[in-house]
């Protein structure tokens, strides 16, 4: 039946690929979650910046291997010093090997 075909398709192990999700929820308060994955093992950096490019918060900076699921990281609106940032728009960038992706997110107090 069509249903068992769909289930088999969903259960199949697909090769991991580089991915970075839109943060959810967005806008957010108090926290937002970002999902990501890698195609090739290597260091992963996910950093939040303000709109003039100042580093606000390092969310991920570690070696990751491809996952059958996804990795998730949460941001609580704090900066690297532990203080809550101002309301407004921020960008986050993931870099891993030759993959780079950037999205915007909005923090609302």
PDB file of N, CA and C in Angstrom:
ATOM      1  N   UNK A   1       0.840  -1.192   0.000  1.00  0.00           N
ATOM      2  CA  UNK A   1       0.000   0.000   0.000  1.00  0.00           C
ATOM      3  C   UNK A   1       0.876   1.243   0.000  1.00  0.00           C
ATOM      4  N   UNK A   2       0.271   2.352  -0.327  1.00  0.00           N
ATOM      5  CA  UNK A   2       1.001   3.613  -0.365  1.00  0.00           C
ATOM      6  C   UNK A   2       1.532   4.021   0.989  1.00  0.00           C
ATOM      7  N   UNK A   3       0.777   3.648   2.040  1.00  0.00           N
ATOM      8  CA  UNK A   3       1.200   4.070   3.374  1.00  0.00           C
ATOM      9  C   UNK A   3       2.505   3.397   3.788  1.00  0.00           C
ATOM     10  N   UNK A   4       2.636   2.104   3.522  1.00  0.00           N
ATOM     11  CA  UNK A   4       3.861   1.430   3.921  1.00  0.00           C
ATOM     12  C   UNK A   4       5.045   1.941   3.100  1.00  0.00           C
ATOM     13  N   UNK A   5       4.806   2.335   1.851  1.00  0.00           N
ATOM     14  CA  UNK A   5       5.877   2.902   1.037  1.00  0.00           C
ATOM     15  C   UNK A   5       6.368   4.211   1.645  1.00  0.00           C
ATOM     16  N   UNK A   6       5.416   5.057   2.071  1.00  0.00           N
ATOM     17  CA  UNK A   6       5.795   6.327   2.701  1.00  0.00           C
ATOM     18  C   UNK A   6       6.611   6.083   3.966  1.00  0.00           C
ATOM     19  N   UNK A   7       6.151   5.129   4.779  1.00  0.00           N
ATOM     20  CA  UNK A   7       6.847   4.859   6.036  1.00  0.00           C
ATOM     21  C   UNK A   7       8.268   4.367   5.758  1.00  0.00           C
ATOM     22  N   UNK A   8       8.419   3.508   4.760  1.00  0.00           N
ATOM     23  CA  UNK A   8       9.746   3.013   4.427  1.00  0.00           C
ATOM     24  C   UNK A   8      10.653   4.137   3.954  1.00  0.00           C
ATOM     25  N   UNK A   9      10.092   5.061   3.203  1.00  0.00           N
ATOM     26  CA  UNK A   9      10.868   6.188   2.717  1.00  0.00           C
ATOM     27  C   UNK A   9      11.341   7.051   3.882  1.00  0.00           C
ATOM     28  N   UNK A  10      10.455   7.279   4.846  1.00  0.00           N
ATOM     29  CA  UNK A  10      10.806   8.127   5.986  1.00  0.00           C
ATOM     30  C   UNK A  10      11.834   7.450   6.884  1.00  0.00           C
ATOM     31  N   UNK A  11      11.795   6.123   6.943  1.00  0.00           N
ATOM     32  CA  UNK A  11      12.710   5.413   7.831  1.00  0.00           C
ATOM     33  C   UNK A  11      14.084   5.184   7.202  1.00  0.00           C
ATOM     34  N   UNK A  12      14.176   5.385   5.901  1.00  0.00           N
ATOM     35  CA  UNK A  12      15.445   5.130   5.226  1.00  0.00           C
ATOM     36  C   UNK A  12      16.513   6.085   5.742  1.00  0.00           C
ATOM     37  N   UNK A  13      17.723   5.578   5.896  1.00  0.00           N
ATOM     38  CA  UNK A  13      18.825   6.426   6.341  1.00  0.00           C
ATOM     39  C   UNK A  13      19.370   7.175   5.131  1.00  0.00           C
ATOM     40  N   UNK A  14      19.173   8.470   5.154  1.00  0.00           N
ATOM     41  CA  UNK A  14      19.658   9.298   4.054  1.00  0.00           C
ATOM     42  C   UNK A  14      21.055   9.779   4.389  1.00  0.00           C
ATOM     43  N   UNK A  15      21.902   9.948   3.400  1.00  0.00           N
ATOM     44  CA  UNK A  15      23.237  10.482   3.699  1.00  0.00           C
ATOM     45  C   UNK A  15      23.116  11.883   4.293  1.00  0.00           C
ATOM     46  N   UNK A  16      23.914  12.136   5.304  1.00  0.00           N
ATOM     47  CA  UNK A  16      23.878  13.451   5.932  1.00  0.00           C
ATOM     48  C   UNK A  16      24.364  14.496   4.940  1.00  0.00           C
ATOM     49  N   UNK A  17      23.874  15.701   5.099  1.00  0.00           N
ATOM     50  CA  UNK A  17      24.331  16.799   4.264  1.00  0.00           C
ATOM     51  C   UNK A  17      24.457  18.040   5.131  1.00  0.00           C
ATOM     52  N   UNK A  18      25.176  19.023   4.606  1.00  0.00           N
ATOM     53  CA  UNK A  18      25.278  20.274   5.335  1.00  0.00           C
ATOM     54  C   UNK A  18      23.911  20.926   5.380  1.00  0.00           C
ATOM     55  N   UNK A  19      23.526  21.389   6.550  1.00  0.00           N
ATOM     56  CA  UNK A  19      22.252  22.077   6.674  1.00  0.00           C
ATOM     57  C   UNK A  19      22.317  23.021   7.856  1.00  0.00           C
ATOM     58  N   UNK A  20      21.585  24.106   7.730  1.00  0.00           N
ATOM     59  CA  UNK A  20      21.401  25.058   8.817  1.00  0.00           C
ATOM     60  C   UNK A  20      19.967  25.520   8.729  1.00  0.00           C
ATOM     61  N   UNK A  21      19.220  25.388   9.825  1.00  0.00           N
ATOM     62  CA  UNK A  21      17.803  25.724   9.787  1.00  0.00           C
ATOM     63  C   UNK A  21      17.581  27.180  10.156  1.00  0.00           C
ATOM     64  N   UNK A  22      16.412  27.668   9.755  1.00  0.00           N
ATOM     65  CA  UNK A  22      15.942  28.929  10.305  1.00  0.00           C
ATOM     66  C   UNK A  22      15.713  28.730  11.797  1.00  0.00           C
ATOM     67  N   UNK A  23      16.079  29.727  12.581  1.00  0.00           N
ATOM     68  CA  UNK A  23      15.868  29.647  14.023  1.00  0.00           C
ATOM     69  C   UNK A  23      14.370  29.577  14.314  1.00  0.00           C
ATOM     70  N   UNK A  24      14.002  28.818  15.320  1.00  0.00           N
ATOM     71  CA  UNK A  24      12.591  28.738  15.699  1.00  0.00           C
ATOM     72  C   UNK A  24      12.469  28.733  17.205  1.00  0.00           C
ATOM     73  N   UNK A  25      11.565  29.518  17.816  1.00  0.00           N
ATOM     74  CA  UNK A  25      10.743  30.516  17.121  1.00  0.00           C
ATOM     75  C   UNK A  25      11.580  31.723  16.710  1.00  0.00           C
ATOM     76  N   UNK A  26      11.051  32.522  15.816  1.00  0.00           N
ATOM     77  CA  UNK A  26      11.723  33.733  15.356  1.00  0.00           C
ATOM     78  C   UNK A  26      10.658  34.704  14.878  1.00  0.00           C
ATOM     79  N   UNK A  27      10.479  35.862  15.515  1.00  0.00           N
ATOM     80  CA  UNK A  27      11.234  36.417  16.639  1.00  0.00           C
ATOM     81  C   UNK A  27      11.119  35.528  17.895  1.00  0.00           C
ATOM     82  N   UNK A  28      12.055  35.722  18.827  1.00  0.00           N
ATOM     83  CA  UNK A  28      12.066  34.849  19.997  1.00  0.00           C
ATOM     84  C   UNK A  28      12.267  35.622  21.287  1.00  0.00           C
ATOM     85  N   UNK A  29      11.790  35.009  22.356  1.00  0.00           N
ATOM     86  CA  UNK A  29      12.028  35.398  23.734  1.00  0.00           C
ATOM     87  C   UNK A  29      11.338  34.336  24.580  1.00  0.00           C
ATOM     88  N   UNK A  30      12.015  33.600  25.442  1.00  0.00           N
ATOM     89  CA  UNK A  30      13.397  33.847  25.846  1.00  0.00           C
ATOM     90  C   UNK A  30      14.444  33.050  25.068  1.00  0.00           C
ATOM     91  N   UNK A  31      14.048  31.988  24.342  1.00  0.00           N
ATOM     92  CA  UNK A  31      15.065  31.175  23.663  1.00  0.00           C
ATOM     93  C   UNK A  31      14.624  30.861  22.240  1.00  0.00           C
ATOM     94  N   UNK A  32      15.620  30.556  21.412  1.00  0.00           N
ATOM     95  CA  UNK A  32      15.373  30.088  20.054  1.00  0.00           C
ATOM     96  C   UNK A  32      16.281  28.898  19.792  1.00  0.00           C
ATOM     97  N   UNK A  33      15.885  28.026  18.876  1.00  0.00           N
ATOM     98  CA  UNK A  33      16.641  26.809  18.584  1.00  0.00           C
ATOM     99  C   UNK A  33      17.052  26.803  17.120  1.00  0.00           C
ATOM    100  N   UNK A  34      18.276  26.352  16.865  1.00  0.00           N
ATOM    101  CA  UNK A  34      18.830  26.262  15.516  1.00  0.00           C
ATOM    102  C   UNK A  34      19.280  24.822  15.302  1.00  0.00           C
ATOM    103  N   UNK A  35      18.785  24.201  14.255  1.00  0.00           N
ATOM    104  CA  UNK A  35      19.189  22.838  13.903  1.00  0.00           C
ATOM    105  C   UNK A  35      20.247  22.893  12.810  1.00  0.00           C
ATOM    106  N   UNK A  36      21.172  21.935  12.841  1.00  0.00           N
ATOM    107  CA  UNK A  36      22.218  21.913  11.817  1.00  0.00           C
ATOM    108  C   UNK A  36      22.754  20.504  11.662  1.00  0.00           C
ATOM    109  N   UNK A  37      23.463  20.284  10.560  1.00  0.00           N
ATOM    110  CA  UNK A  37      24.102  18.998  10.327  1.00  0.00           C
ATOM    111  C   UNK A  37      25.298  19.219   9.407  1.00  0.00           C
ATOM    112  N   UNK A  38      26.135  18.218   9.315  1.00  0.00           N
ATOM    113  CA  UNK A  38      27.321  18.285   8.460  1.00  0.00           C
ATOM    114  C   UNK A  38      27.363  17.086   7.535  1.00  0.00           C
ATOM    115  N   UNK A  39      27.993  17.277   6.398  1.00  0.00           N
ATOM    116  CA  UNK A  39      28.154  16.207   5.418  1.00  0.00           C
ATOM    117  C   UNK A  39      29.468  15.472   5.623  1.00  0.00           C
ATOM    118  N   UNK A  40      30.486  16.207   6.060  1.00  0.00           N
ATOM    119  CA  UNK A  40      31.824  15.658   6.284  1.00  0.00           C
ATOM    120  C   UNK A  40      32.259  16.080   7.682  1.00  0.00           C
ATOM    121  N   UNK A  41      32.838  15.143   8.432  1.00  0.00           N
ATOM    122  CA  UNK A  41      33.285  15.471   9.782  1.00  0.00           C
ATOM    123  C   UNK A  41      34.262  16.644   9.750  1.00  0.00           C
ATOM    124  N   UNK A  42      34.145  17.497  10.741  1.00  0.00           N
ATOM    125  CA  UNK A  42      35.041  18.632  10.821  1.00  0.00           C
ATOM    126  C   UNK A  42      34.570  19.598  11.887  1.00  0.00           C
ATOM    127  N   UNK A  43      35.331  20.674  12.066  1.00  0.00           N
ATOM    128  CA  UNK A  43      34.936  21.663  13.052  1.00  0.00           C
ATOM    129  C   UNK A  43      33.723  22.436  12.548  1.00  0.00           C
ATOM    130  N   UNK A  44      32.798  22.699  13.455  1.00  0.00           N
ATOM    131  CA  UNK A  44      31.608  23.488  13.148  1.00  0.00           C
ATOM    132  C   UNK A  44      31.636  24.737  14.021  1.00  0.00           C
ATOM    133  N   UNK A  45      31.440  25.878  13.375  1.00  0.00           N
ATOM    134  CA  UNK A  45      31.325  27.147  14.078  1.00  0.00           C
ATOM    135  C   UNK A  45      29.967  27.739  13.770  1.00  0.00           C
ATOM    136  N   UNK A  46      29.194  28.059  14.822  1.00  0.00           N
ATOM    137  CA  UNK A  46      27.952  28.820  14.660  1.00  0.00           C
ATOM    138  C   UNK A  46      28.057  29.999  15.621  1.00  0.00           C
ATOM    139  N   UNK A  47      28.070  31.196  15.035  1.00  0.00           N
ATOM    140  CA  UNK A  47      28.291  32.410  15.818  1.00  0.00           C
ATOM    141  C   UNK A  47      27.193  33.412  15.501  1.00  0.00           C
ATOM    142  N   UNK A  48      26.712  34.096  16.542  1.00  0.00           N
ATOM    143  CA  UNK A  48      25.730  35.168  16.389  1.00  0.00           C
ATOM    144  C   UNK A  48      26.482  36.493  16.337  1.00  0.00           C
ATOM    145  N   UNK A  49      26.087  37.338  15.372  1.00  0.00           N
ATOM    146  CA  UNK A  49      26.686  38.667  15.214  1.00  0.00           C
ATOM    147  C   UNK A  49      25.582  39.716  15.241  1.00  0.00           C
ATOM    148  N   UNK A  50      25.967  40.955  15.590  1.00  0.00           N
ATOM    149  CA  UNK A  50      25.027  42.051  15.385  1.00  0.00           C
ATOM    150  C   UNK A  50      25.131  42.499  13.930  1.00  0.00           C
ATOM    151  N   UNK A  51      24.295  43.460  13.549  1.00  0.00           N
ATOM    152  CA  UNK A  51      24.205  43.809  12.131  1.00  0.00           C
ATOM    153  C   UNK A  51      25.419  44.564  11.620  1.00  0.00           C
ATOM    154  N   UNK A  52      26.295  45.035  12.517  1.00  0.00           N
ATOM    155  CA  UNK A  52      27.522  45.656  12.021  1.00  0.00           C
ATOM    156  C   UNK A  52      28.709  44.703  12.141  1.00  0.00           C
ATOM    157  N   UNK A  53      28.393  43.424  12.424  1.00  0.00           N
ATOM    158  CA  UNK A  53      29.422  42.390  12.325  1.00  0.00           C
ATOM    159  C   UNK A  53      30.201  42.112  13.590  1.00  0.00           C
ATOM    160  N   UNK A  54      29.776  42.671  14.708  1.00  0.00           N
ATOM    161  CA  UNK A  54      30.461  42.358  15.962  1.00  0.00           C
ATOM    162  C   UNK A  54      29.996  41.006  16.474  1.00  0.00           C
ATOM    163  N   UNK A  55      30.945  40.181  16.928  1.00  0.00           N
ATOM    164  CA  UNK A  55      30.571  38.873  17.466  1.00  0.00           C
ATOM    165  C   UNK A  55      29.826  39.057  18.780  1.00  0.00           C
ATOM    166  N   UNK A  56      28.666  38.417  18.881  1.00  0.00           N
ATOM    167  CA  UNK A  56      27.841  38.500  20.084  1.00  0.00           C
ATOM    168  C   UNK A  56      27.988  37.237  20.926  1.00  0.00           C
ATOM    169  N   UNK A  57      27.857  36.087  20.268  1.00  0.00           N
ATOM    170  CA  UNK A  57      27.837  34.834  21.029  1.00  0.00           C
ATOM    171  C   UNK A  57      28.295  33.679  20.152  1.00  0.00           C
ATOM    172  N   UNK A  58      29.241  32.909  20.647  1.00  0.00           N
ATOM    173  CA  UNK A  58      29.624  31.657  19.998  1.00  0.00           C
ATOM    174  C   UNK A  58      28.710  30.560  20.521  1.00  0.00           C
ATOM    175  N   UNK A  59      27.887  30.005  19.618  1.00  0.00           N
ATOM    176  CA  UNK A  59      26.955  28.946  20.018  1.00  0.00           C
ATOM    177  C   UNK A  59      27.587  27.568  19.891  1.00  0.00           C
ATOM    178  N   UNK A  60      28.371  27.360  18.833  1.00  0.00           N
ATOM    179  CA  UNK A  60      29.006  26.065  18.590  1.00  0.00           C
ATOM    180  C   UNK A  60      30.416  26.341  18.091  1.00  0.00           C
ATOM    181  N   UNK A  61      31.386  25.626  18.621  1.00  0.00           N
ATOM    182  CA  UNK A  61      32.743  25.642  18.086  1.00  0.00           C
ATOM    183  C   UNK A  61      33.381  24.321  18.477  1.00  0.00           C
ATOM    184  N   UNK A  62      33.049  23.277  17.714  1.00  0.00           N
ATOM    185  CA  UNK A  62      33.534  21.950  18.065  1.00  0.00           C
ATOM    186  C   UNK A  62      33.486  21.017  16.866  1.00  0.00           C
ATOM    187  N   UNK A  63      34.171  19.915  17.002  1.00  0.00           N
ATOM    188  CA  UNK A  63      34.228  18.902  15.952  1.00  0.00           C
ATOM    189  C   UNK A  63      32.919  18.130  15.935  1.00  0.00           C
ATOM    190  N   UNK A  64      32.330  17.984  14.754  1.00  0.00           N
ATOM    191  CA  UNK A  64      31.086  17.221  14.607  1.00  0.00           C
ATOM    192  C   UNK A  64      31.230  16.243  13.450  1.00  0.00           C
ATOM    193  N   UNK A  65      30.606  15.077  13.606  1.00  0.00           N
ATOM    194  CA  UNK A  65      30.530  14.084  12.540  1.00  0.00           C
ATOM    195  C   UNK A  65      29.126  14.083  11.969  1.00  0.00           C
ATOM    196  N   UNK A  66      28.936  13.624  10.720  1.00  0.00           N
ATOM    197  CA  UNK A  66      27.592  13.580  10.139  1.00  0.00           C
ATOM    198  C   UNK A  66      26.641  12.796  11.032  1.00  0.00           C
ATOM    199  N   UNK A  67      25.413  13.293  11.168  1.00  0.00           N
ATOM    200  CA  UNK A  67      24.408  12.670  12.023  1.00  0.00           C
ATOM    201  C   UNK A  67      23.241  12.189  11.178  1.00  0.00           C
ATOM    202  N   UNK A  68      22.633  11.072  11.577  1.00  0.00           N
ATOM    203  CA  UNK A  68      21.413  10.614  10.909  1.00  0.00           C
ATOM    204  C   UNK A  68      20.238  11.526  11.232  1.00  0.00           C
ATOM    205  N   UNK A  69      20.318  12.236  12.350  1.00  0.00           N
ATOM    206  CA  UNK A  69      19.299  13.216  12.695  1.00  0.00           C
ATOM    207  C   UNK A  69      19.833  14.604  12.416  1.00  0.00           C
ATOM    208  N   UNK A  70      19.618  15.504  13.363  1.00  0.00           N
ATOM    209  CA  UNK A  70      20.243  16.823  13.275  1.00  0.00           C
ATOM    210  C   UNK A  70      20.782  17.171  14.655  1.00  0.00           C
ATOM    211  N   UNK A  71      21.745  18.054  14.667  1.00  0.00           N
ATOM    212  CA  UNK A  71      22.201  18.656  15.913  1.00  0.00           C
ATOM    213  C   UNK A  71      21.345  19.894  16.169  1.00  0.00           C
ATOM    214  N   UNK A  72      21.174  20.231  17.435  1.00  0.00           N
ATOM    215  CA  UNK A  72      20.426  21.435  17.792  1.00  0.00           C
ATOM    216  C   UNK A  72      21.229  22.240  18.794  1.00  0.00           C
ATOM    217  N   UNK A  73      21.137  23.558  18.662  1.00  0.00           N
ATOM    218  CA  UNK A  73      21.742  24.447  19.647  1.00  0.00           C
ATOM    219  C   UNK A  73      20.717  25.526  19.974  1.00  0.00           C
ATOM    220  N   UNK A  74      20.690  25.949  21.240  1.00  0.00           N
ATOM    221  CA  UNK A  74      19.732  26.944  21.684  1.00  0.00           C
ATOM    222  C   UNK A  74      20.469  28.234  21.996  1.00  0.00           C
ATOM    223  N   UNK A  75      19.838  29.363  21.682  1.00  0.00           N
ATOM    224  CA  UNK A  75      20.378  30.660  22.089  1.00  0.00           C
ATOM    225  C   UNK A  75      19.362  31.340  22.983  1.00  0.00           C
ATOM    226  N   UNK A  76      19.839  31.832  24.118  1.00  0.00           N
ATOM    227  CA  UNK A  76      18.959  32.461  25.106  1.00  0.00           C
ATOM    228  C   UNK A  76      19.057  33.987  25.079  1.00  0.00           C
ATOM    229  N   UNK A  77      19.633  34.543  24.024  1.00  0.00           N
ATOM    230  CA  UNK A  77      19.727  35.991  23.930  1.00  0.00           C
ATOM    231  C   UNK A  77      20.875  36.583  24.725  1.00  0.00           C
ATOM    232  N   UNK A  78      21.759  35.739  25.249  1.00  0.00           N
ATOM    233  CA  UNK A  78      22.899  36.255  26.007  1.00  0.00           C
ATOM    234  C   UNK A  78      24.112  36.391  25.098  1.00  0.00           C
ATOM    235  N   UNK A  79      25.034  37.263  25.492  1.00  0.00           N
ATOM    236  CA  UNK A  79      26.279  37.407  24.743  1.00  0.00           C
ATOM    237  C   UNK A  79      27.370  36.565  25.401  1.00  0.00           C
ATOM    238  N   UNK A  80      28.583  36.651  24.868  1.00  0.00           N
ATOM    239  CA  UNK A  80      29.676  35.832  25.403  1.00  0.00           C
ATOM    240  C   UNK A  80      30.034  36.195  26.837  1.00  0.00           C
ATOM    241  N   UNK A  81      29.608  37.385  27.296  1.00  0.00           N
ATOM    242  CA  UNK A  81      29.871  37.793  28.679  1.00  0.00           C
ATOM    243  C   UNK A  81      28.727  37.388  29.623  1.00  0.00           C
ATOM    244  N   UNK A  82      27.668  36.786  29.048  1.00  0.00           N
ATOM    245  CA  UNK A  82      26.560  36.326  29.879  1.00  0.00           C
ATOM    246  C   UNK A  82      25.457  37.354  30.069  1.00  0.00           C
ATOM    247  N   UNK A  83      25.555  38.508  29.410  1.00  0.00           N
ATOM    248  CA  UNK A  83      24.527  39.545  29.521  1.00  0.00           C
ATOM    249  C   UNK A  83      23.502  39.386  28.411  1.00  0.00           C
ATOM    250  N   UNK A  84      22.250  39.734  28.697  1.00  0.00           N
ATOM    251  CA  UNK A  84      21.197  39.657  27.684  1.00  0.00           C
ATOM    252  C   UNK A  84      21.348  40.833  26.724  1.00  0.00           C
ATOM    253  N   UNK A  85      21.260  40.548  25.454  1.00  0.00           N
ATOM    254  CA  UNK A  85      21.471  41.570  24.427  1.00  0.00           C
ATOM    255  C   UNK A  85      20.227  42.436  24.267  1.00  0.00           C
ATOM    256  N   UNK A  86      20.378  43.527  23.546  1.00  0.00           N
ATOM    257  CA  UNK A  86      19.254  44.419  23.255  1.00  0.00           C
ATOM    258  C   UNK A  86      18.307  43.752  22.269  1.00  0.00           C
ATOM    259  N   UNK A  87      17.043  44.167  22.328  1.00  0.00           N
ATOM    260  CA  UNK A  87      16.084  43.706  21.324  1.00  0.00           C
ATOM    261  C   UNK A  87      16.554  44.149  19.950  1.00  0.00           C
ATOM    262  N   UNK A  88      16.252  43.332  18.941  1.00  0.00           N
ATOM    263  CA  UNK A  88      16.605  43.726  17.587  1.00  0.00           C
ATOM    264  C   UNK A  88      16.989  42.541  16.738  1.00  0.00           C
ATOM    265  N   UNK A  89      17.519  42.854  15.560  1.00  0.00           N
ATOM    266  CA  UNK A  89      17.869  41.823  14.604  1.00  0.00           C
ATOM    267  C   UNK A  89      19.341  41.448  14.740  1.00  0.00           C
ATOM    268  N   UNK A  90      19.594  40.165  14.610  1.00  0.00           N
ATOM    269  CA  UNK A  90      20.942  39.611  14.669  1.00  0.00           C
ATOM    270  C   UNK A  90      21.098  38.646  13.507  1.00  0.00           C
ATOM    271  N   UNK A  91      22.329  38.300  13.202  1.00  0.00           N
ATOM    272  CA  UNK A  91      22.557  37.263  12.203  1.00  0.00           C
ATOM    273  C   UNK A  91      23.359  36.140  12.848  1.00  0.00           C
ATOM    274  N   UNK A  92      23.164  34.932  12.335  1.00  0.00           N
ATOM    275  CA  UNK A  92      23.999  33.824  12.788  1.00  0.00           C
ATOM    276  C   UNK A  92      24.567  33.137  11.570  1.00  0.00           C
ATOM    277  N   UNK A  93      25.821  32.711  11.703  1.00  0.00           N
ATOM    278  CA  UNK A  93      26.557  32.126  10.579  1.00  0.00           C
ATOM    279  C   UNK A  93      27.148  30.792  11.002  1.00  0.00           C
ATOM    280  N   UNK A  94      26.942  29.806  10.145  1.00  0.00           N
ATOM    281  CA  UNK A  94      27.568  28.489  10.345  1.00  0.00           C
ATOM    282  C   UNK A  94      28.673  28.327   9.325  1.00  0.00           C
ATOM    283  N   UNK A  95      29.827  27.872   9.797  1.00  0.00           N
ATOM    284  CA  UNK A  95      30.947  27.539   8.923  1.00  0.00           C
ATOM    285  C   UNK A  95      31.407  26.136   9.279  1.00  0.00           C
ATOM    286  N   UNK A  96      31.539  25.274   8.269  1.00  0.00           N
ATOM    287  CA  UNK A  96      32.125  23.954   8.473  1.00  0.00           C
ATOM    288  C   UNK A  96      32.764  23.521   7.170  1.00  0.00           C
ATOM    289  N   UNK A  97      34.051  23.270   7.207  1.00  0.00           N
ATOM    290  CA  UNK A  97      34.802  22.957   5.996  1.00  0.00           C
ATOM    291  C   UNK A  97      34.521  24.049   4.960  1.00  0.00           C
ATOM    292  N   UNK A  98      33.973  23.719   3.786  1.00  0.00           N
ATOM    293  CA  UNK A  98      33.736  24.766   2.786  1.00  0.00           C
ATOM    294  C   UNK A  98      32.277  25.216   2.754  1.00  0.00           C
ATOM    295  N   UNK A  99      31.497  24.828   3.780  1.00  0.00           N
ATOM    296  CA  UNK A  99      30.085  25.228   3.857  1.00  0.00           C
ATOM    297  C   UNK A  99      29.951  26.471   4.724  1.00  0.00           C
ATOM    298  N   UNK A 100      29.241  27.467   4.199  1.00  0.00           N
ATOM    299  CA  UNK A 100      28.924  28.667   4.979  1.00  0.00           C
ATOM    300  C   UNK A 100      27.484  29.054   4.703  1.00  0.00           C
ATOM    301  N   UNK A 101      26.744  29.389   5.758  1.00  0.00           N
ATOM    302  CA  UNK A 101      25.371  29.860   5.571  1.00  0.00           C
ATOM    303  C   UNK A 101      25.057  30.870   6.660  1.00  0.00           C
ATOM    304  N   UNK A 102      24.253  31.863   6.289  1.00  0.00           N
ATOM    305  CA  UNK A 102      23.900  32.937   7.212  1.00  0.00           C
ATOM    306  C   UNK A 102      22.394  33.150   7.188  1.00  0.00           C
ATOM    307  N   UNK A 103      21.803  33.325   8.372  1.00  0.00           N
ATOM    308  CA  UNK A 103      20.389  33.696   8.482  1.00  0.00           C
ATOM    309  C   UNK A 103      20.254  34.822   9.497  1.00  0.00           C
ATOM    310  N   UNK A 104      19.112  35.507   9.433  1.00  0.00           N
ATOM    311  CA  UNK A 104      18.800  36.543  10.403  1.00  0.00           C
ATOM    312  C   UNK A 104      17.834  35.994  11.456  1.00  0.00           C
ATOM    313  N   UNK A 105      17.892  36.578  12.633  1.00  0.00           N
ATOM    314  CA  UNK A 105      16.887  36.295  13.644  1.00  0.00           C
ATOM    315  C   UNK A 105      16.649  37.556  14.458  1.00  0.00           C
ATOM    316  N   UNK A 106      15.507  37.600  15.135  1.00  0.00           N
ATOM    317  CA  UNK A 106      15.111  38.785  15.874  1.00  0.00           C
ATOM    318  C   UNK A 106      14.835  38.415  17.330  1.00  0.00           C
ATOM    319  N   UNK A 107      15.483  39.141  18.239  1.00  0.00           N
ATOM    320  CA  UNK A 107      15.275  38.970  19.680  1.00  0.00           C
ATOM    321  C   UNK A 107      14.361  40.092  20.152  1.00  0.00           C
ATOM    322  N   UNK A 108      13.294  39.711  20.845  1.00  0.00           N
ATOM    323  CA  UNK A 108      12.342  40.703  21.353  1.00  0.00           C
ATOM    324  C   UNK A 108      12.223  40.551  22.850  1.00  0.00           C
ATOM    325  N   UNK A 109      12.591  41.589  23.581  1.00  0.00           N
ATOM    326  CA  UNK A 109      12.474  41.550  25.041  1.00  0.00           C
ATOM    327  C   UNK A 109      11.030  41.778  25.437  1.00  0.00           C
TER     328      UNK A 109
END
